N, C-alpha and C. Protein backbone atom coordinates (compact mmCIF):
# COMPACT_ATOMS: atom_id res chain seq x y z
N MET A 1 0.85 -1.16 0.00
CA MET A 1 0.00 0.00 0.01
C MET A 1 0.88 1.23 -0.01
N ALA A 2 0.43 2.26 -0.67
CA ALA A 2 1.20 3.48 -0.80
C ALA A 2 1.17 4.29 0.50
N ASP A 3 2.19 5.04 0.71
CA ASP A 3 2.30 5.88 1.91
C ASP A 3 1.25 6.98 1.84
N PRO A 4 0.34 7.11 2.83
CA PRO A 4 -0.72 8.10 2.79
C PRO A 4 -0.18 9.53 2.86
N ARG A 5 1.00 9.71 3.37
CA ARG A 5 1.54 11.10 3.40
C ARG A 5 1.88 11.61 2.02
N LEU A 6 2.06 10.76 1.03
CA LEU A 6 2.43 11.19 -0.33
C LEU A 6 1.22 11.33 -1.24
N GLU A 7 0.03 11.09 -0.74
CA GLU A 7 -1.15 11.12 -1.59
C GLU A 7 -2.19 12.10 -1.03
N GLY A 8 -3.12 12.49 -1.89
CA GLY A 8 -4.30 13.25 -1.47
C GLY A 8 -4.07 14.76 -1.41
N PRO A 9 -5.22 15.48 -1.21
CA PRO A 9 -5.18 16.93 -1.24
C PRO A 9 -4.55 17.55 0.03
N ALA A 10 -4.45 16.75 1.08
CA ALA A 10 -3.91 17.30 2.34
C ALA A 10 -2.40 17.42 2.28
N ARG A 11 -1.79 16.84 1.27
CA ARG A 11 -0.34 16.87 1.14
C ARG A 11 0.15 18.30 0.88
N LYS A 12 1.09 18.75 1.68
CA LYS A 12 1.66 20.08 1.51
C LYS A 12 2.76 19.99 0.46
N ARG A 13 2.74 20.94 -0.45
CA ARG A 13 3.78 20.99 -1.46
C ARG A 13 4.92 21.90 -0.96
N ARG A 14 6.09 21.45 -1.21
CA ARG A 14 7.25 22.29 -0.92
C ARG A 14 7.36 23.39 -1.94
N ALA A 15 7.69 24.56 -1.50
CA ALA A 15 7.86 25.67 -2.44
C ALA A 15 9.06 25.38 -3.33
N GLU A 16 8.86 25.58 -4.62
CA GLU A 16 9.98 25.39 -5.57
C GLU A 16 10.96 26.53 -5.39
N PRO A 17 12.25 26.20 -5.37
CA PRO A 17 13.24 27.27 -5.26
C PRO A 17 13.21 28.12 -6.54
N PRO A 18 13.56 29.39 -6.44
CA PRO A 18 13.55 30.24 -7.62
C PRO A 18 14.58 29.72 -8.61
N GLU A 19 14.22 29.90 -9.92
CA GLU A 19 15.14 29.48 -10.97
C GLU A 19 16.37 30.38 -10.96
N ILE A 20 17.48 29.78 -11.32
CA ILE A 20 18.72 30.55 -11.39
C ILE A 20 18.80 31.24 -12.73
N GLU A 21 18.92 32.53 -12.68
CA GLU A 21 18.99 33.29 -13.93
C GLU A 21 20.41 33.61 -14.28
N TRP A 22 20.62 33.76 -15.58
CA TRP A 22 21.95 34.10 -16.10
C TRP A 22 21.76 35.03 -17.29
N LYS A 23 22.44 36.14 -17.26
CA LYS A 23 22.33 37.10 -18.35
C LYS A 23 23.22 36.63 -19.48
N ASP A 24 22.61 36.26 -20.58
CA ASP A 24 23.33 35.79 -21.76
C ASP A 24 23.81 36.99 -22.56
N TYR A 25 25.13 37.18 -22.62
CA TYR A 25 25.71 38.27 -23.40
C TYR A 25 25.75 37.86 -24.87
N PRO A 26 25.64 38.84 -25.76
CA PRO A 26 25.66 38.51 -27.20
C PRO A 26 27.01 37.93 -27.64
N ARG A 27 26.94 37.11 -28.65
CA ARG A 27 28.14 36.56 -29.25
C ARG A 27 27.99 36.58 -30.77
N ILE A 28 28.91 37.28 -31.41
CA ILE A 28 28.89 37.38 -32.86
C ILE A 28 30.25 36.92 -33.41
N ALA A 29 30.33 36.73 -34.70
CA ALA A 29 31.59 36.26 -35.29
C ALA A 29 32.68 37.30 -35.09
N PRO A 30 33.87 36.89 -34.67
CA PRO A 30 34.97 37.82 -34.54
C PRO A 30 35.29 38.44 -35.92
N GLY A 31 35.75 39.69 -35.88
CA GLY A 31 36.11 40.37 -37.12
C GLY A 31 35.99 41.87 -36.97
N GLU A 32 36.03 42.56 -38.12
CA GLU A 32 35.91 44.01 -38.12
C GLU A 32 34.49 44.40 -38.48
N TYR A 33 33.98 45.44 -37.77
CA TYR A 33 32.63 45.93 -37.95
C TYR A 33 32.61 47.43 -37.80
N HIS A 34 31.58 48.08 -38.34
CA HIS A 34 31.28 49.45 -37.98
C HIS A 34 30.44 49.38 -36.73
N ALA A 35 30.68 50.33 -35.82
CA ALA A 35 29.91 50.34 -34.56
C ALA A 35 29.69 51.76 -34.11
N TYR A 36 28.58 52.00 -33.43
CA TYR A 36 28.21 53.30 -32.91
C TYR A 36 28.38 53.26 -31.40
N CYS A 37 29.19 54.16 -30.84
CA CYS A 37 29.38 54.22 -29.39
C CYS A 37 28.25 55.00 -28.77
N LYS A 38 27.34 54.29 -28.12
CA LYS A 38 26.15 54.95 -27.59
C LYS A 38 26.31 55.47 -26.17
N SER A 39 27.26 54.94 -25.44
CA SER A 39 27.48 55.47 -24.07
C SER A 39 28.87 55.16 -23.59
N GLY A 40 29.32 55.96 -22.66
CA GLY A 40 30.61 55.81 -22.03
C GLY A 40 30.57 56.32 -20.60
N LYS A 41 31.10 55.58 -19.66
CA LYS A 41 31.13 56.02 -18.27
C LYS A 41 32.31 55.36 -17.57
N HIS A 42 32.79 56.03 -16.52
CA HIS A 42 33.79 55.39 -15.69
C HIS A 42 33.18 55.09 -14.32
N TYR A 43 33.69 54.05 -13.70
CA TYR A 43 33.12 53.61 -12.42
C TYR A 43 34.18 52.83 -11.65
N HIS A 44 33.99 52.70 -10.34
CA HIS A 44 34.89 51.91 -9.52
C HIS A 44 34.33 50.48 -9.45
N ASP A 45 35.11 49.50 -9.83
CA ASP A 45 34.69 48.10 -9.85
C ASP A 45 35.17 47.45 -8.55
N PRO A 46 34.25 47.15 -7.61
CA PRO A 46 34.67 46.56 -6.35
C PRO A 46 35.31 45.17 -6.49
N GLY A 47 34.93 44.43 -7.52
CA GLY A 47 35.52 43.10 -7.73
C GLY A 47 36.98 43.16 -8.10
N PHE A 48 37.34 44.10 -8.95
CA PHE A 48 38.73 44.30 -9.34
C PHE A 48 39.46 45.29 -8.45
N LYS A 49 38.72 46.00 -7.60
CA LYS A 49 39.27 47.04 -6.72
C LYS A 49 40.05 48.07 -7.53
N SER A 50 39.46 48.47 -8.64
CA SER A 50 40.09 49.47 -9.52
C SER A 50 39.01 50.20 -10.35
N TRP A 51 39.46 51.23 -11.02
CA TRP A 51 38.58 52.05 -11.86
C TRP A 51 38.55 51.48 -13.24
N ARG A 52 37.40 51.57 -13.90
CA ARG A 52 37.20 51.09 -15.28
C ARG A 52 36.42 52.15 -16.03
N CYS A 53 36.63 52.17 -17.35
CA CYS A 53 35.80 52.94 -18.24
C CYS A 53 35.10 51.92 -19.13
N LEU A 54 33.77 52.03 -19.21
CA LEU A 54 32.98 51.13 -20.01
C LEU A 54 32.36 51.89 -21.17
N LEU A 55 32.64 51.43 -22.38
CA LEU A 55 32.00 51.98 -23.57
C LEU A 55 31.03 50.93 -24.07
N ARG A 56 29.82 51.34 -24.44
CA ARG A 56 28.81 50.44 -25.01
C ARG A 56 28.68 50.75 -26.50
N TRP A 57 28.89 49.71 -27.32
CA TRP A 57 28.89 49.86 -28.77
C TRP A 57 27.71 49.12 -29.40
N ASP A 58 26.98 49.77 -30.28
CA ASP A 58 25.99 49.12 -31.14
C ASP A 58 26.76 48.69 -32.40
N VAL A 59 26.98 47.39 -32.58
CA VAL A 59 27.68 46.89 -33.76
C VAL A 59 26.63 46.83 -34.88
N LEU A 60 27.03 47.38 -36.05
CA LEU A 60 26.08 47.57 -37.15
C LEU A 60 26.35 46.62 -38.30
N THR A 61 25.29 46.40 -39.10
CA THR A 61 25.43 45.64 -40.34
C THR A 61 26.25 46.46 -41.31
N GLU A 62 26.72 45.82 -42.41
CA GLU A 62 27.56 46.53 -43.39
C GLU A 62 26.87 47.75 -43.99
N ASP A 63 25.54 47.70 -44.12
CA ASP A 63 24.80 48.83 -44.69
C ASP A 63 24.53 49.92 -43.65
N LEU A 64 24.98 49.70 -42.40
CA LEU A 64 24.85 50.63 -41.28
C LEU A 64 23.41 50.92 -40.89
N LEU A 65 22.46 50.04 -41.26
CA LEU A 65 21.07 50.28 -41.00
C LEU A 65 20.51 49.53 -39.77
N ARG A 66 21.12 48.41 -39.43
CA ARG A 66 20.60 47.59 -38.34
C ARG A 66 21.69 47.31 -37.30
N VAL A 67 21.27 47.10 -36.06
CA VAL A 67 22.17 46.74 -34.96
C VAL A 67 22.26 45.22 -34.91
N VAL A 68 23.49 44.71 -34.95
CA VAL A 68 23.73 43.29 -34.83
C VAL A 68 23.73 42.89 -33.35
N ALA A 69 24.42 43.67 -32.54
CA ALA A 69 24.55 43.37 -31.10
C ALA A 69 25.06 44.62 -30.38
N CYS A 70 24.81 44.68 -29.08
CA CYS A 70 25.38 45.73 -28.25
C CYS A 70 26.51 45.09 -27.46
N LEU A 71 27.73 45.58 -27.70
CA LEU A 71 28.91 44.97 -27.07
C LEU A 71 29.67 45.96 -26.18
N PRO A 72 30.28 45.45 -25.13
CA PRO A 72 31.10 46.34 -24.23
C PRO A 72 32.53 46.42 -24.65
N MET A 73 33.21 47.48 -24.20
CA MET A 73 34.64 47.63 -24.29
C MET A 73 35.08 48.28 -22.98
N TRP A 74 36.11 47.74 -22.36
CA TRP A 74 36.59 48.28 -21.12
C TRP A 74 38.01 48.81 -21.26
N PHE A 75 38.30 49.88 -20.51
CA PHE A 75 39.65 50.39 -20.33
C PHE A 75 39.93 50.41 -18.84
N ALA A 76 41.14 50.05 -18.45
CA ALA A 76 41.55 50.12 -17.04
C ALA A 76 42.00 51.55 -16.74
N LEU A 77 41.56 52.05 -15.58
CA LEU A 77 41.91 53.42 -15.15
C LEU A 77 42.60 53.46 -13.78
N GLY A 78 43.25 52.36 -13.42
CA GLY A 78 44.08 52.35 -12.21
C GLY A 78 43.34 52.01 -10.95
N SER A 79 44.11 51.81 -9.88
CA SER A 79 43.54 51.43 -8.59
C SER A 79 43.77 52.49 -7.53
N LEU A 80 44.02 53.72 -7.96
CA LEU A 80 44.22 54.81 -7.00
C LEU A 80 42.86 55.26 -6.45
N GLU A 81 42.86 56.31 -5.64
CA GLU A 81 41.64 56.81 -5.06
C GLU A 81 40.70 57.37 -6.14
N LYS A 82 41.29 57.96 -7.18
CA LYS A 82 40.51 58.50 -8.29
C LYS A 82 40.92 57.80 -9.59
N PRO A 83 40.05 57.83 -10.62
CA PRO A 83 40.48 57.23 -11.89
C PRO A 83 41.68 57.97 -12.49
N HIS A 84 42.59 57.23 -13.11
CA HIS A 84 43.82 57.80 -13.63
C HIS A 84 44.14 57.20 -14.98
N ALA A 85 44.40 58.06 -15.97
CA ALA A 85 44.77 57.63 -17.32
C ALA A 85 46.30 57.60 -17.40
N SER A 86 46.86 56.45 -17.35
CA SER A 86 48.32 56.27 -17.39
C SER A 86 48.83 56.41 -18.82
N ARG A 87 50.04 56.94 -18.96
CA ARG A 87 50.67 57.02 -20.27
C ARG A 87 50.93 55.65 -20.86
N ARG A 88 51.07 54.66 -20.00
CA ARG A 88 51.34 53.29 -20.47
C ARG A 88 50.03 52.52 -20.76
N GLY A 89 48.92 53.05 -20.34
CA GLY A 89 47.66 52.34 -20.52
C GLY A 89 47.08 52.55 -21.92
N LYS A 90 45.92 51.97 -22.17
CA LYS A 90 45.26 52.07 -23.47
C LYS A 90 44.30 53.26 -23.57
N TYR A 91 43.81 53.74 -22.40
CA TYR A 91 42.79 54.81 -22.43
C TYR A 91 43.34 56.11 -22.98
N LEU A 92 44.49 56.57 -22.47
CA LEU A 92 45.01 57.86 -22.89
C LEU A 92 45.33 57.92 -24.40
N PRO A 93 46.04 56.96 -24.97
CA PRO A 93 46.27 57.03 -26.40
C PRO A 93 44.98 57.01 -27.24
N GLU A 94 44.00 56.23 -26.81
CA GLU A 94 42.76 56.16 -27.55
C GLU A 94 41.96 57.45 -27.38
N TRP A 95 42.02 58.04 -26.19
CA TRP A 95 41.35 59.32 -25.97
C TRP A 95 41.95 60.40 -26.88
N ILE A 96 43.27 60.41 -27.01
CA ILE A 96 43.94 61.37 -27.88
C ILE A 96 43.55 61.18 -29.31
N ARG A 97 43.46 59.93 -29.79
CA ARG A 97 42.98 59.65 -31.17
C ARG A 97 41.54 60.12 -31.37
N ALA A 98 40.71 59.85 -30.38
CA ALA A 98 39.29 60.23 -30.51
C ALA A 98 39.13 61.73 -30.45
N ASN A 99 39.97 62.40 -29.70
CA ASN A 99 39.92 63.84 -29.54
C ASN A 99 40.63 64.58 -30.67
N SER A 100 41.34 63.86 -31.51
CA SER A 100 42.16 64.46 -32.61
C SER A 100 43.23 65.37 -32.03
N GLY A 101 43.76 65.06 -30.88
CA GLY A 101 44.83 65.84 -30.30
C GLY A 101 44.99 65.56 -28.81
N ALA A 102 46.15 65.94 -28.30
CA ALA A 102 46.47 65.75 -26.90
C ALA A 102 45.56 66.62 -26.02
N PRO A 103 45.35 66.22 -24.79
CA PRO A 103 44.52 67.02 -23.90
C PRO A 103 45.28 68.31 -23.53
N SER A 104 44.50 69.36 -23.35
CA SER A 104 45.08 70.57 -22.82
C SER A 104 45.26 70.41 -21.30
N ARG A 105 45.94 71.32 -20.69
CA ARG A 105 46.28 71.18 -19.29
C ARG A 105 45.05 70.99 -18.39
N GLY A 106 43.94 71.61 -18.73
CA GLY A 106 42.77 71.52 -17.87
C GLY A 106 41.80 70.40 -18.22
N ASP A 107 42.09 69.62 -19.30
CA ASP A 107 41.17 68.56 -19.70
C ASP A 107 41.05 67.47 -18.65
N ARG A 108 39.85 66.93 -18.52
CA ARG A 108 39.57 65.86 -17.56
C ARG A 108 39.41 64.51 -18.22
N LEU A 109 39.67 64.40 -19.52
CA LEU A 109 39.64 63.15 -20.26
C LEU A 109 38.32 62.38 -20.11
N SER A 110 37.24 63.07 -20.32
CA SER A 110 35.89 62.48 -20.20
C SER A 110 35.66 61.42 -21.25
N PRO A 111 34.95 60.34 -20.91
CA PRO A 111 34.61 59.33 -21.90
C PRO A 111 33.62 59.83 -22.94
N ARG A 112 33.07 61.04 -22.76
CA ARG A 112 32.13 61.59 -23.74
C ARG A 112 32.76 61.78 -25.09
N VAL A 113 34.12 61.89 -25.16
CA VAL A 113 34.79 62.08 -26.44
C VAL A 113 34.57 60.87 -27.36
N PHE A 114 34.23 59.71 -26.79
CA PHE A 114 34.00 58.51 -27.56
C PHE A 114 32.56 58.36 -28.05
N THR A 115 31.62 58.96 -27.35
CA THR A 115 30.18 58.71 -27.57
C THR A 115 29.63 59.47 -28.78
N GLN A 116 28.51 58.93 -29.28
CA GLN A 116 27.75 59.49 -30.39
C GLN A 116 28.60 59.54 -31.66
N ARG A 117 29.42 58.51 -31.84
CA ARG A 117 30.33 58.45 -32.99
C ARG A 117 30.37 57.03 -33.56
N ILE A 118 30.69 56.97 -34.84
CA ILE A 118 30.87 55.66 -35.48
C ILE A 118 32.35 55.41 -35.70
N ALA A 119 32.75 54.19 -35.45
CA ALA A 119 34.15 53.78 -35.63
C ALA A 119 34.17 52.39 -36.26
N ARG A 120 35.29 52.06 -36.85
CA ARG A 120 35.57 50.70 -37.32
C ARG A 120 36.22 50.04 -36.16
N VAL A 121 35.67 48.90 -35.67
CA VAL A 121 36.17 48.23 -34.47
C VAL A 121 36.50 46.79 -34.77
N GLU A 122 37.35 46.24 -33.91
CA GLU A 122 37.68 44.82 -33.97
C GLU A 122 36.93 44.11 -32.85
N VAL A 123 36.17 43.08 -33.18
CA VAL A 123 35.39 42.31 -32.22
C VAL A 123 36.08 40.97 -32.00
N GLY A 124 36.13 40.56 -30.75
CA GLY A 124 36.69 39.26 -30.39
C GLY A 124 35.89 38.65 -29.26
N ASP A 125 36.26 37.43 -28.88
CA ASP A 125 35.56 36.72 -27.83
C ASP A 125 36.39 36.73 -26.54
N THR A 126 35.68 36.67 -25.40
CA THR A 126 36.36 36.50 -24.12
C THR A 126 36.73 35.03 -23.99
N GLU A 127 37.58 34.73 -23.01
CA GLU A 127 37.91 33.34 -22.73
C GLU A 127 37.11 32.91 -21.53
N GLY A 128 37.01 31.59 -21.34
CA GLY A 128 36.30 31.07 -20.20
C GLY A 128 35.22 30.09 -20.59
N PRO A 129 34.50 29.58 -19.64
CA PRO A 129 33.50 28.56 -19.91
C PRO A 129 32.27 29.07 -20.68
N ALA A 130 31.99 30.35 -20.60
CA ALA A 130 30.82 30.95 -21.31
C ALA A 130 31.31 32.21 -22.05
N PRO A 131 32.03 32.06 -23.14
CA PRO A 131 32.58 33.25 -23.80
C PRO A 131 31.47 34.15 -24.41
N TYR A 132 31.82 35.44 -24.55
CA TYR A 132 30.92 36.40 -25.16
C TYR A 132 31.76 37.38 -25.94
N SER A 133 31.13 38.13 -26.83
CA SER A 133 31.84 39.06 -27.69
C SER A 133 32.07 40.41 -27.01
N VAL A 134 33.21 41.01 -27.30
CA VAL A 134 33.57 42.33 -26.80
C VAL A 134 34.27 43.09 -27.91
N VAL A 135 34.26 44.43 -27.83
CA VAL A 135 35.05 45.21 -28.74
C VAL A 135 36.48 45.21 -28.18
N ARG A 136 37.42 44.69 -28.96
CA ARG A 136 38.80 44.59 -28.55
C ARG A 136 39.61 45.81 -28.87
N LYS A 137 39.28 46.48 -29.99
CA LYS A 137 40.15 47.57 -30.46
C LYS A 137 39.34 48.51 -31.33
N ILE A 138 39.62 49.81 -31.25
CA ILE A 138 39.05 50.80 -32.16
C ILE A 138 40.08 50.96 -33.27
N ILE A 139 39.69 50.60 -34.48
CA ILE A 139 40.61 50.66 -35.60
C ILE A 139 40.71 52.08 -36.15
N THR A 140 39.59 52.65 -36.53
CA THR A 140 39.59 54.03 -37.03
C THR A 140 38.28 54.70 -36.61
N TRP A 141 38.36 56.00 -36.41
CA TRP A 141 37.15 56.80 -36.15
C TRP A 141 36.58 57.23 -37.50
N GLU A 142 35.31 56.93 -37.73
CA GLU A 142 34.66 57.25 -38.98
C GLU A 142 33.94 58.60 -38.95
N THR A 143 33.59 59.06 -37.76
CA THR A 143 32.92 60.36 -37.61
C THR A 143 33.69 61.18 -36.62
N ARG A 144 33.55 62.51 -36.75
CA ARG A 144 34.21 63.43 -35.82
C ARG A 144 33.44 63.52 -34.52
N LYS A 145 34.11 64.05 -33.50
CA LYS A 145 33.46 64.16 -32.21
C LYS A 145 32.31 65.16 -32.30
N PRO A 146 31.22 64.94 -31.51
CA PRO A 146 30.09 65.86 -31.54
C PRO A 146 30.50 67.28 -31.17
N GLY A 147 29.89 68.24 -31.82
CA GLY A 147 30.17 69.62 -31.54
C GLY A 147 31.34 70.17 -32.34
N HIS A 148 31.95 69.33 -33.17
CA HIS A 148 33.07 69.78 -34.00
C HIS A 148 32.51 70.62 -35.12
N SER A 149 32.95 71.85 -35.19
CA SER A 149 32.41 72.74 -36.20
C SER A 149 33.17 72.57 -37.53
N VAL A 150 32.46 72.81 -38.58
CA VAL A 150 33.05 72.73 -39.92
C VAL A 150 33.13 74.15 -40.46
N SER A 151 34.32 74.58 -40.80
CA SER A 151 34.47 75.93 -41.30
C SER A 151 34.12 75.97 -42.79
N LYS A 152 33.49 77.03 -43.21
CA LYS A 152 33.12 77.18 -44.61
C LYS A 152 34.28 77.78 -45.37
N SER A 153 34.45 77.31 -46.59
CA SER A 153 35.47 77.89 -47.42
C SER A 153 34.95 79.23 -47.96
N PRO A 154 35.83 80.15 -48.35
CA PRO A 154 35.38 81.48 -48.80
C PRO A 154 34.45 81.40 -50.02
N SER A 155 34.59 80.39 -50.84
CA SER A 155 33.77 80.31 -52.04
C SER A 155 32.42 79.66 -51.81
N GLN A 156 32.20 79.11 -50.59
CA GLN A 156 30.93 78.44 -50.32
C GLN A 156 29.81 79.45 -50.25
N GLY A 157 28.73 79.17 -50.94
CA GLY A 157 27.59 80.09 -50.91
C GLY A 157 27.62 81.10 -52.04
N ARG A 158 28.73 81.24 -52.76
CA ARG A 158 28.80 82.17 -53.89
C ARG A 158 28.78 81.37 -55.16
N HIS A 159 28.16 81.91 -56.13
CA HIS A 159 28.14 81.27 -57.47
C HIS A 159 29.08 82.02 -58.37
N GLU A 160 30.01 81.31 -58.92
CA GLU A 160 30.94 81.91 -59.84
C GLU A 160 30.30 81.97 -61.23
N ILE A 161 30.45 83.07 -61.89
CA ILE A 161 29.94 83.21 -63.23
C ILE A 161 31.09 82.96 -64.20
N CYS A 162 30.91 81.97 -65.04
CA CYS A 162 31.96 81.63 -65.99
C CYS A 162 31.63 82.30 -67.33
N ASP A 163 32.61 83.07 -67.85
CA ASP A 163 32.43 83.67 -69.16
C ASP A 163 32.87 82.66 -70.21
N SER A 164 32.05 82.50 -71.19
CA SER A 164 32.46 81.61 -72.29
C SER A 164 32.98 82.47 -73.44
N ASP A 165 34.12 82.18 -73.88
CA ASP A 165 34.71 82.94 -75.01
C ASP A 165 34.40 82.35 -76.32
């Protein structure tokens, strides 16, 4: 005969434990892509006990019309009390390239110089048991930094009259 404790409506059900969630990061084929840098911020990472700069890139299709994936790119900014761009690190040289020049004495090297721009980037995979795609390198900047003014040439806006002989 079956155990009466395992049968019938009086049996209490044990609460199911919550399911374990895992955020699946995008993974795309490694290679070169055009990408739009939609955000940039620096923060203190308690796990690494150091400062990081995180850029978020929308990787685009070849026709630049659709987003393939949103991928991260990190720069190390030291483990001092405040974030620091070392001359030996990757952040300062890339900031100079994005800014089209070295910082002036009062510049604070904001990650905003990277945002709202399109670049040609190199995408690769992380290592480990669950790899995901990241932007490994900025190859070239395809657009200028926001707010960059374009000067007009003296002939712009005037129509030249050509005499035909």
